[in-house]
Amino acid sequence: MQRKMAEEEKARLRARLLKQFSMVLETRDTERGLVVNMSDVLFDTGRYTLRQEAREKLARISGILLNYPELIIESEGHTDNVGSLELNQELSQRRADAVREYLISQGIPDSSVTSVGKNYSVPVASNANREGRQKNRRVELIVSGEVIGIEIGRNESNPASVSASLDDKEVFRDLGKEE
């Protein structure tokens, strides 16, 4: 009986968070957790610096997250398939890192937020047209935790960040490509 009540409480909290996040950014409930989508319009083309609108939305998301310190957040960067794999990996990682760093600056514990660049490996639309490519350029926040009944895995070697090796290439502010 207590177990059933605990599961019901987790489901209620998950539904409440889904509603709160959805008021700020597009959010969906998945097996991985709550997925909060930041579209590419919150970044300049080919760049990873957050626009003012993105910072405002992330500040609102942070305000919600601060009420639930048990939550785990993974910032996933995604790109379209225009350009090389290396450039897209770098861009996706830098965007995911920018979001992670902003959340931390808003008071979210750094141990609660990871970041990973997924390049163009997980498209949500076809890359054959402009509209599809725009949908694929995004950062998704995966929100999970036992408190809402689901936990995502952690990278054992480095819980703070996951990225592909790019042979120690210099980091660019402007990757110099049209996305």
Protein backbone atom coordinates (compact mmCIF):
# COMPACT_ATOMS: atom_id res chain seq x y z
CA MET A 1 0.00 0.00 0.00
CA GLN A 2 2.79 2.45 0.91
CA ARG A 3 4.68 1.50 -2.24
CA LYS A 4 1.60 2.23 -4.36
CA MET A 5 1.15 5.61 -2.65
CA ALA A 6 4.84 6.45 -3.24
CA GLU A 7 4.50 5.57 -6.93
CA GLU A 8 1.37 7.71 -7.20
CA GLU A 9 3.21 10.64 -5.59
CA LYS A 10 6.06 10.26 -8.11
CA ALA A 11 3.55 10.26 -10.97
CA ARG A 12 1.85 13.40 -9.60
CA LEU A 13 5.19 15.20 -9.26
CA ARG A 14 6.21 14.14 -12.77
CA ALA A 15 2.90 15.47 -14.16
CA ARG A 16 3.31 18.74 -12.22
CA LEU A 17 6.86 19.20 -13.54
CA LEU A 18 5.71 18.41 -17.08
CA LYS A 19 3.09 21.14 -16.82
CA GLN A 20 5.53 23.67 -15.29
CA PHE A 21 8.29 23.03 -17.86
CA SER A 22 5.76 23.13 -20.72
CA MET A 23 4.83 26.67 -19.74
CA VAL A 24 8.43 27.70 -20.53
CA LEU A 25 9.65 25.38 -23.31
CA GLU A 26 8.23 22.46 -25.30
CA THR A 27 8.39 19.42 -22.99
CA ARG A 28 7.41 15.79 -23.42
CA ASP A 29 7.27 12.82 -21.06
CA THR A 30 9.40 9.87 -22.23
CA GLU A 31 10.84 6.64 -20.85
CA ARG A 32 14.12 8.52 -20.32
CA GLY A 33 12.48 11.27 -18.28
CA LEU A 34 11.00 14.66 -19.03
CA VAL A 35 12.57 16.05 -22.21
CA VAL A 36 12.69 19.85 -22.35
CA ASN A 37 13.47 21.02 -25.90
CA MET A 38 15.52 24.14 -26.64
CA SER A 39 15.29 24.79 -30.37
CA ASP A 40 18.13 26.26 -32.39
CA VAL A 41 16.45 29.67 -32.47
CA LEU A 42 17.92 30.13 -28.99
CA PHE A 43 21.44 30.08 -30.51
CA ASP A 44 22.96 32.02 -33.38
CA THR A 45 23.71 29.93 -36.47
CA GLY A 46 26.94 27.99 -36.10
CA ARG A 47 27.51 29.31 -32.58
CA TYR A 48 27.02 28.04 -29.09
CA THR A 49 26.60 31.24 -27.10
CA LEU A 50 23.14 31.51 -25.56
CA ARG A 51 20.91 34.29 -26.83
CA GLN A 52 19.16 36.50 -24.26
CA GLU A 53 15.86 34.70 -24.89
CA ALA A 54 17.54 31.38 -24.13
CA ARG A 55 18.99 32.70 -20.88
CA GLU A 56 15.56 33.98 -19.83
CA LYS A 57 13.93 30.63 -20.51
CA LEU A 58 16.71 28.73 -18.75
CA ALA A 59 16.42 31.04 -15.74
CA ARG A 60 12.74 30.07 -15.50
CA ILE A 61 13.58 26.36 -15.89
CA SER A 62 16.28 26.75 -13.20
CA GLY A 63 13.74 28.29 -10.84
CA ILE A 64 11.61 25.16 -11.17
CA LEU A 65 14.58 22.79 -10.81
CA LEU A 66 15.84 24.51 -7.66
CA ASN A 67 12.70 23.34 -5.87
CA TYR A 68 13.63 19.70 -6.55
CA PRO A 69 17.32 19.14 -5.68
CA GLU A 70 16.95 15.37 -6.16
CA LEU A 71 16.48 15.75 -9.91
CA ILE A 72 19.21 14.87 -12.40
CA ILE A 73 19.57 16.92 -15.57
CA GLU A 74 21.41 15.92 -18.72
CA SER A 75 21.99 18.60 -21.35
CA GLU A 76 22.12 16.97 -24.80
CA GLY A 77 23.33 18.96 -27.82
CA HIS A 78 22.12 17.97 -31.31
CA THR A 79 22.84 19.27 -34.81
CA ASP A 80 21.70 18.72 -38.38
CA ASN A 81 23.95 16.80 -40.78
CA VAL A 82 25.36 19.82 -42.64
CA GLY A 83 29.14 19.96 -42.26
CA SER A 84 31.63 17.43 -40.96
CA LEU A 85 31.05 15.06 -38.08
CA GLU A 86 33.87 16.76 -36.15
CA LEU A 87 32.38 20.25 -36.50
CA ASN A 88 28.92 19.00 -35.58
CA GLN A 89 30.27 17.08 -32.58
CA GLU A 90 32.11 20.20 -31.41
CA LEU A 91 29.06 22.43 -31.89
CA SER A 92 26.66 20.01 -30.20
CA GLN A 93 29.01 19.56 -27.23
CA ARG A 94 29.63 23.30 -26.85
CA ARG A 95 25.89 24.04 -26.93
CA ALA A 96 25.20 21.33 -24.35
CA ASP A 97 28.04 22.70 -22.20
CA ALA A 98 26.74 26.28 -22.51
CA VAL A 99 23.34 25.19 -21.21
CA ARG A 100 24.93 23.16 -18.38
CA GLU A 101 27.12 26.09 -17.36
CA TYR A 102 24.16 28.47 -17.36
CA LEU A 103 22.10 26.13 -15.16
CA ILE A 104 25.01 25.91 -12.71
CA SER A 105 25.30 29.72 -12.71
CA GLN A 106 21.64 29.79 -11.64
CA GLY A 107 22.33 27.63 -8.57
CA ILE A 108 21.79 24.11 -9.89
CA PRO A 109 24.51 21.91 -8.30
CA ASP A 110 27.15 20.95 -10.86
CA SER A 111 26.93 17.35 -9.65
CA SER A 112 23.29 17.29 -10.81
CA VAL A 113 23.93 18.39 -14.41
CA THR A 114 25.80 16.54 -17.14
CA SER A 115 26.31 17.48 -20.78
CA VAL A 116 26.83 15.46 -23.91
CA GLY A 117 27.14 16.32 -27.60
CA LYS A 118 25.23 13.93 -29.85
CA ASN A 119 26.12 15.66 -33.18
CA TYR A 120 23.58 14.55 -35.80
CA SER A 121 23.21 10.98 -34.49
CA VAL A 122 19.68 11.44 -33.05
CA PRO A 123 17.57 13.38 -35.56
CA VAL A 124 13.93 14.17 -34.77
CA ALA A 125 13.14 15.10 -38.39
CA SER A 126 14.51 14.58 -41.88
CA ASN A 127 17.69 16.44 -42.75
CA ALA A 128 16.53 16.57 -46.40
CA ASN A 129 14.88 20.00 -46.03
CA ARG A 130 15.40 23.29 -44.17
CA GLU A 131 12.51 22.75 -41.74
CA GLY A 132 13.75 19.32 -40.73
CA ARG A 133 17.32 20.50 -40.27
CA GLN A 134 16.09 23.35 -38.05
CA LYS A 135 14.22 20.88 -35.82
CA ASN A 136 17.35 18.74 -35.52
CA ARG A 137 19.44 21.69 -34.26
CA ARG A 138 18.54 21.73 -30.58
CA VAL A 139 19.55 21.15 -26.98
CA GLU A 140 17.37 18.84 -24.95
CA LEU A 141 17.33 18.77 -21.17
CA ILE A 142 16.59 15.26 -19.93
CA VAL A 143 15.15 15.62 -16.43
CA SER A 144 15.04 12.47 -14.33
CA GLY A 145 15.51 11.16 -10.84
CA GLU A 146 14.08 8.68 -8.39
CA VAL A 147 11.77 11.42 -7.10
CA ILE A 148 9.83 11.24 -10.41
CA GLY A 149 10.32 7.51 -10.88
CA ILE A 150 13.08 7.38 -13.50
CA GLU A 151 16.85 7.80 -13.51
CA ILE A 152 19.16 8.19 -16.46
CA GLY A 153 22.63 6.71 -16.36
CA ARG A 154 25.79 8.62 -15.54
CA ASN A 155 29.12 8.43 -17.30
CA GLU A 156 31.19 6.68 -14.64
CA SER A 157 34.49 8.19 -15.72
CA ASN A 158 33.35 11.81 -15.70
CA PRO A 159 29.90 12.64 -14.35
CA ALA A 160 30.22 16.31 -15.31
CA SER A 161 30.69 16.05 -19.06
CA VAL A 162 30.83 13.57 -21.91
CA SER A 163 32.35 14.37 -25.29
CA ALA A 164 34.06 12.82 -28.24
CA SER A 165 37.76 13.42 -28.72
CA LEU A 166 38.54 15.91 -31.46
CA ASP A 167 42.33 15.47 -31.31
CA ASP A 168 42.76 18.44 -28.94
CA LYS A 169 41.62 20.95 -31.57
CA GLU A 170 41.21 24.54 -30.49
CA VAL A 171 37.71 25.51 -29.42
CA PHE A 172 36.02 28.03 -31.72
CA ARG A 173 33.45 30.67 -30.71
CA ASP A 174 32.20 30.75 -34.29
CA LEU A 175 32.53 27.45 -36.08
CA GLY A 176 32.30 29.26 -39.40
CA LYS A 177 29.67 27.21 -41.11
CA GLU A 178 26.10 27.76 -42.15
CA GLU A 179 24.00 25.32 -40.17
